[in-house]
Protein backbone atom coordinates (compact mmCIF):
# COMPACT_ATOMS: atom_id res chain seq x y z
CA MET A 1 0.00 0.00 0.00
CA ARG A 2 2.93 2.35 0.54
CA GLU A 3 3.76 2.03 -3.14
CA ILE A 4 0.15 2.87 -4.02
CA VAL A 5 0.30 5.97 -1.79
CA LEU A 6 3.45 7.14 -3.58
CA ILE A 7 1.85 6.55 -7.00
CA TYR A 8 -1.27 8.47 -5.99
CA LEU A 9 0.69 11.40 -4.55
CA ASP A 10 2.76 11.61 -7.74
CA ARG A 11 -0.29 11.53 -10.03
CA SER A 12 -2.43 13.92 -7.98
CA GLY A 13 0.21 16.58 -7.45
CA GLY A 14 0.31 15.87 -3.73
CA LEU A 15 3.98 14.90 -3.88
CA GLN A 16 4.94 18.25 -5.37
CA LYS A 17 2.98 20.07 -2.64
CA PHE A 18 4.63 17.88 0.00
CA VAL A 19 8.10 18.75 -1.30
CA HIS A 20 7.14 22.44 -1.28
CA ASP A 21 5.93 22.20 2.34
CA CYS A 22 9.16 20.43 3.31
CA LYS A 23 11.18 23.25 1.74
CA LYS A 24 9.38 25.80 3.94
CA TYR A 25 10.24 23.77 7.04
CA ASN A 26 13.83 23.27 5.92
CA ASP A 27 14.32 26.97 5.17
CA SER A 28 12.87 27.99 8.53
CA LYS A 29 15.29 28.81 11.33
CA GLN A 30 12.81 27.54 13.91
CA SER A 31 13.23 24.08 15.45
CA TYR A 32 10.18 21.80 15.28
CA ALA A 33 9.21 18.72 17.24
CA VAL A 34 6.32 17.99 14.85
CA TYR A 35 6.09 18.60 11.12
CA ARG A 36 2.45 18.88 10.04
CA PHE A 37 1.36 18.07 6.48
CA ILE A 38 -2.18 18.44 5.14
CA ILE A 39 -2.81 16.07 2.22
CA SER A 40 -5.93 16.30 0.07
CA ILE A 41 -7.14 12.91 -1.14
CA ASN A 42 -9.82 11.71 -3.53
CA PRO A 43 -11.23 8.46 -2.05
CA SER A 44 -12.61 7.33 -5.43
CA ASP A 45 -9.26 7.66 -7.20
CA ILE A 46 -7.44 5.80 -4.43
CA ALA A 47 -10.07 3.02 -4.38
CA GLU A 48 -9.47 2.48 -8.11
CA LEU A 49 -5.74 2.08 -7.45
CA ASP A 50 -6.14 -0.14 -4.39
CA ALA A 51 -9.49 -1.11 -2.86
CA THR A 52 -8.00 -1.95 0.54
CA LEU A 53 -6.31 1.43 0.89
CA GLY A 54 -9.50 3.16 -0.26
CA ASN A 55 -11.42 1.28 2.43
CA TYR A 56 -8.87 2.33 5.06
CA ILE A 57 -9.28 5.99 4.12
CA LEU A 58 -13.08 5.87 4.33
CA HIS A 59 -13.47 3.64 7.39
CA ASN A 60 -10.16 3.77 9.29
CA PRO A 61 -8.57 7.15 8.47
CA ILE A 62 -6.17 6.99 11.44
CA LYS A 63 -4.66 3.77 10.06
CA ALA A 64 -4.56 5.32 6.58
CA ALA A 65 -2.77 8.40 7.95
CA GLN A 66 -0.11 6.13 9.47
CA ILE A 67 0.56 4.63 6.02
CA PHE A 68 0.88 8.11 4.50
CA GLN A 69 3.11 9.10 7.43
CA SER A 70 5.48 6.21 6.70
CA VAL A 71 5.68 7.14 3.01
CA CYS A 72 6.30 10.81 3.83
CA PHE A 73 9.09 9.92 6.25
CA VAL A 74 10.86 7.73 3.67
CA ALA A 75 10.52 10.52 1.10
CA VAL A 76 12.00 13.08 3.50
CA LYS A 77 15.00 10.92 4.36
CA THR A 78 15.60 9.66 0.80
CA LEU A 79 15.45 13.10 -0.78
CA SER A 80 16.96 14.94 2.23
CA LEU A 81 14.02 17.33 2.32
CA VAL A 82 14.14 18.32 6.00
CA GLU A 83 17.56 18.09 7.61
CA GLN A 84 16.29 18.57 11.17
CA LEU A 85 13.76 15.70 11.08
CA GLN A 86 14.97 12.62 12.94
CA THR A 87 12.11 10.16 13.59
CA GLU A 88 8.92 9.10 11.83
CA ALA A 89 6.89 10.10 14.91
CA GLN A 90 7.71 13.75 14.16
CA ILE A 91 5.56 13.68 11.02
CA ASN A 92 1.89 14.51 11.53
CA VAL A 93 -0.22 13.76 8.46
CA LEU A 94 -3.74 15.15 8.19
CA LEU A 95 -5.84 13.54 5.44
CA LYS A 96 -8.56 15.73 3.94
CA PRO A 97 -10.95 13.89 1.57
CA THR A 98 -12.28 15.91 -1.33
CA HIS A 99 -15.67 14.20 -0.94
CA LEU A 100 -17.41 11.20 0.60
CA PRO A 101 -19.59 8.60 -1.16
CA SER A 102 -23.15 9.86 -1.61
CA LEU A 103 -24.61 7.12 0.57
CA PRO A 104 -26.78 7.44 3.71
CA SER A 105 -24.22 5.69 5.91
CA TYR A 106 -21.78 8.58 5.42
CA ILE A 107 -24.28 11.23 6.55
CA LEU A 108 -24.22 12.25 10.20
CA ASP A 109 -27.90 12.25 11.16
CA LEU A 110 -28.32 12.99 14.87
CA SER A 111 -32.12 12.79 14.59
CA ALA A 112 -31.89 9.05 13.87
CA PHE A 113 -32.01 6.56 16.72
CA PRO A 114 -30.15 4.55 17.81
CA PHE A 115 -26.95 6.54 17.26
CA ASN A 116 -24.34 4.32 15.67
CA TYR A 117 -21.39 6.65 15.29
CA THR A 118 -18.80 4.82 17.37
CA SER A 119 -16.29 4.35 14.55
CA GLN A 120 -13.58 6.97 14.05
CA ARG A 121 -14.24 7.48 10.37
CA PHE A 122 -15.34 10.39 8.20
CA TYR A 123 -18.94 11.59 8.24
CA GLU A 124 -20.62 14.45 6.45
CA ALA A 125 -22.76 16.80 8.52
CA GLU A 126 -24.94 19.68 7.43
CA GLY A 127 -26.44 22.14 9.84
CA ILE A 128 -26.87 25.73 10.95
CA VAL A 129 -24.31 27.49 13.14
CA ILE A 130 -26.17 29.25 15.96
CA ALA A 131 -23.21 30.18 18.19
CA MET A 132 -19.44 30.58 17.86
CA GLY A 133 -16.77 30.71 20.54
CA THR A 134 -13.57 32.72 20.37
CA VAL A 135 -10.46 31.33 18.69
CA THR A 136 -8.13 29.79 21.29
CA LYS A 137 -4.90 27.82 21.18
CA TYR A 138 -4.45 24.07 21.59
CA THR A 139 -1.42 21.78 21.49
CA GLN A 140 -0.92 20.11 18.12
CA GLY A 141 2.27 18.37 19.15
CA ALA A 142 4.82 18.19 21.93
CA ARG A 143 8.20 16.68 22.68
CA PHE A 144 8.87 14.78 25.91
CA LEU A 145 12.20 13.72 27.39
CA CYS A 146 12.96 11.07 30.00
CA THR A 147 14.09 12.53 33.31
CA GLY A 148 16.50 9.63 33.91
CA GLU A 149 20.00 11.02 33.42
CA THR A 150 21.48 7.73 32.16
CA CYS A 151 18.49 6.80 30.00
CA PRO A 152 19.14 6.98 26.22
CA PHE A 153 15.72 8.63 25.79
CA SER A 154 16.71 11.65 27.89
CA GLU A 155 17.54 13.30 24.56
CA GLY A 156 16.43 13.03 20.96
CA PHE A 157 12.87 12.73 19.61
CA ARG A 158 11.75 9.36 20.94
CA TYR A 159 8.62 10.64 22.71
CA ILE A 160 6.44 12.79 20.46
CA ARG A 161 2.81 13.41 21.37
CA VAL A 162 0.49 14.51 18.54
CA HIS A 163 -3.15 15.49 18.80
CA VAL A 164 -5.48 13.12 16.93
CA PRO A 165 -9.12 13.90 16.00
CA GLY A 166 -11.52 13.19 18.83
CA ALA A 167 -8.88 13.24 21.58
CA THR A 168 -8.96 15.56 24.58
CA GLU A 169 -6.20 18.02 25.40
CA SER A 170 -4.94 15.81 28.24
CA ALA A 171 -4.26 12.99 25.79
CA THR A 172 -1.53 15.13 24.23
CA VAL A 173 -0.05 17.00 27.18
CA ARG A 174 -0.06 16.03 30.87
CA ASN A 175 2.47 15.25 33.60
CA ASP A 176 1.99 11.52 34.27
CA PHE A 177 3.68 10.01 31.20
CA VAL A 178 6.50 7.56 31.99
CA CYS A 179 9.45 6.24 30.00
CA SER A 180 8.93 2.81 28.44
CA SER A 181 12.60 2.00 28.96
CA CYS A 182 13.33 2.94 32.59
CA SER A 183 9.86 3.95 33.91
CA SER A 184 11.13 7.40 34.89
CA PRO A 185 8.70 10.34 34.52
CA LEU A 186 8.68 12.18 31.21
CA GLN A 187 9.01 15.94 31.12
CA GLU A 188 7.88 18.13 28.25
CA ASP A 189 10.47 20.21 26.41
CA MET A 190 8.40 23.39 26.26
CA LYS A 191 10.45 25.09 23.55
CA PHE A 192 9.30 22.42 21.08
CA ARG A 193 5.57 22.69 21.77
CA VAL A 194 3.53 23.25 18.58
CA LEU A 195 0.32 25.28 18.95
CA GLY A 196 -2.67 25.58 16.66
CA ASP A 197 -5.98 27.45 16.56
CA LYS A 198 -9.19 25.96 17.92
CA GLN A 199 -12.76 27.22 17.76
CA ILE A 200 -15.95 25.72 19.17
CA LEU A 201 -19.26 25.98 17.32
CA GLU A 202 -22.81 25.16 18.34
CA MET A 203 -24.79 23.74 15.43
CA ILE A 204 -28.31 22.55 14.89
CA ASP A 205 -29.59 20.08 12.30
CA LYS A 206 -30.93 21.67 9.11
CA LYS A 207 -34.25 19.86 9.71
CA ALA A 208 -34.88 22.40 12.48
CA LEU A 209 -35.77 24.94 9.76
CA ASN A 210 -39.03 23.08 9.21
CA ALA A 211 -40.01 23.67 12.84
CA PHE A 212 -39.12 27.35 12.61
CA LYS A 213 -41.32 27.64 9.52
CA GLY A 214 -44.27 26.14 11.39
CA TYR A 215 -44.09 22.88 9.47
CA SER A 216 -45.95 19.98 11.10
CA ASN A 217 -45.57 16.29 10.31
CA ASN A 218 -48.56 15.28 12.46
CA LYS A 219 -46.32 14.35 15.40
CA SER A 220 -47.57 15.68 18.69
CA HIS A 221 -44.10 16.11 20.19
CA PHE A 222 -40.64 16.57 18.79
CA ARG A 223 -37.35 17.85 20.12
CA ILE A 224 -34.48 19.76 18.56
CA GLN A 225 -31.04 19.67 20.17
CA THR A 226 -27.80 21.38 19.25
CA PHE A 227 -24.44 19.62 18.93
CA THR A 228 -20.91 20.88 19.47
CA VAL A 229 -18.29 21.01 16.72
CA PHE A 230 -14.59 21.55 17.34
CA LEU A 231 -12.74 23.29 14.50
CA ARG A 232 -8.98 22.80 14.68
């Protein structure tokens, strides 16, 4: 599948964009713990190249991102694109599909019961924004070092924490991580923390417009509830 990813990136122009993004990192004088790459993907085109990879992207995007991450790391090291990058864990790949299949199972419908949205895959939602919070910062990535003086992981980029969709802030940064080698506490190297923008929205399903218009479907009672969306 890694070969298929490389073929797709080459054909779609994604490889050229990746090289350009690497050049910006390489030319920067700032030191990074995490190198973030946003890759646009067409699920239909990938499914034609390899059905298994296409299925991963649609139904297990975190696994698919790991495959893209591996390919990007090999490309960086082979072509010497970013001199400062040391480990594969430092690459954070964000897959952005151009579209989803026009099937009901890919539509997020919170008025349906029971709710069956336990899988961490892509869904399409359509609604009305009724409230917006202010833009705040969140941690996209962080570097941790072992506090054991003789431990080999007291330096380097062994422990990289990266925010993944759906995770809380504490999953990325907190003070109870321990070294897998010597069990000593890990301490964050603050100068390598990578921040991003976050905004919280309150949305309501588009079907609510019917209620606002006075539309009745002969049901005596119905309820409309908002849902929260995190934009990162």
